[in-house]
Protein backbone atom coordinates (compact mmCIF):
# COMPACT_ATOMS: atom_id res chain seq x y z
CA MET A 1 7.12 6.11 4.19
CA ASP A 2 4.47 3.88 2.72
CA TRP A 3 2.40 4.44 -0.42
CA ASP A 4 -0.94 3.14 -1.67
CA GLU A 5 -1.52 1.66 -5.14
CA LYS A 6 -2.04 5.16 -6.57
CA GLY A 7 1.32 6.41 -5.27
CA SER A 8 -0.14 8.55 -2.47
CA VAL A 9 1.73 8.62 0.83
CA VAL A 10 -0.29 6.83 3.51
CA ALA A 11 2.29 6.44 6.32
CA VAL A 12 5.37 8.29 7.51
CA SER A 13 8.19 7.84 9.98
CA ILE A 14 10.50 10.12 11.89
CA SER A 15 14.27 9.81 11.67
CA THR A 16 16.25 11.22 14.57
CA HIS A 17 19.64 12.92 14.45
CA ASN A 18 21.24 9.62 15.52
CA GLU A 19 19.36 7.70 12.81
CA ASP A 20 16.74 6.01 14.99
CA VAL A 21 13.49 5.51 13.07
CA TYR A 22 10.02 5.82 14.64
CA LEU A 23 6.96 4.83 12.66
CA ILE A 24 4.13 7.32 13.16
CA ALA A 25 0.87 5.82 14.40
CA HIS A 26 -1.83 6.48 11.82
CA ASP A 27 -4.21 8.41 14.05
CA TYR A 28 -5.37 12.03 14.02
CA LYS A 29 -1.99 13.68 14.70
CA GLY A 30 -0.18 11.08 12.60
CA LYS A 31 -2.35 11.91 9.60
CA GLU A 32 -1.61 15.62 10.07
CA LEU A 33 2.10 14.89 9.73
CA LEU A 34 1.53 13.65 6.18
CA HIS A 35 1.53 17.35 5.24
CA PHE A 36 5.08 17.86 6.53
CA ILE A 37 7.10 15.25 4.63
CA GLN A 38 10.84 16.06 4.66
CA GLU A 39 10.26 18.97 7.05
CA ASP A 40 11.95 19.35 10.43
CA VAL A 41 9.45 18.69 13.19
CA GLU A 42 9.73 18.17 16.90
CA VAL A 43 7.29 15.58 18.22
CA SER A 44 6.31 14.27 21.61
CA GLY A 45 4.12 11.32 22.38
CA VAL A 46 4.00 7.74 23.55
CA VAL A 47 6.49 5.24 22.14
CA ARG A 48 5.93 1.51 22.04
CA GLU A 49 7.88 -1.28 20.42
CA ILE A 50 6.23 -4.01 18.35
CA GLU A 51 8.30 -6.68 16.63
CA ASP A 52 11.49 -4.59 16.99
CA LYS A 53 9.84 -1.53 15.40
CA LYS A 54 9.46 1.69 17.36
CA ILE A 55 6.06 3.30 16.92
CA ILE A 56 5.14 6.72 18.28
CA THR A 57 1.62 7.95 18.89
CA VAL A 58 2.14 11.68 18.46
CA GLN A 59 0.43 13.85 21.04
CA LYS A 60 2.05 17.13 20.04
CA TYR A 61 4.25 18.38 17.23
CA ILE A 62 5.96 21.62 16.28
CA LEU A 63 7.12 22.53 12.79
CA LYS A 64 10.69 23.76 13.13
CA GLU A 65 11.74 26.80 11.14
CA MET A 66 14.97 26.51 9.22
């Protein structure tokens, strides 16, 4: 996660069951995921790697029920 100077969350990441971390691209779907912090979600999208960081542009997500 990343915060602005006011303490508001401005970026999130997804951690997988095997502890891989994917930064969420800050586009339309990525901004929607700000509402689901610490929730279980299933995402699909396009992954790219920049400077050894995995970034996913989310095309679809599903909020998983516990």
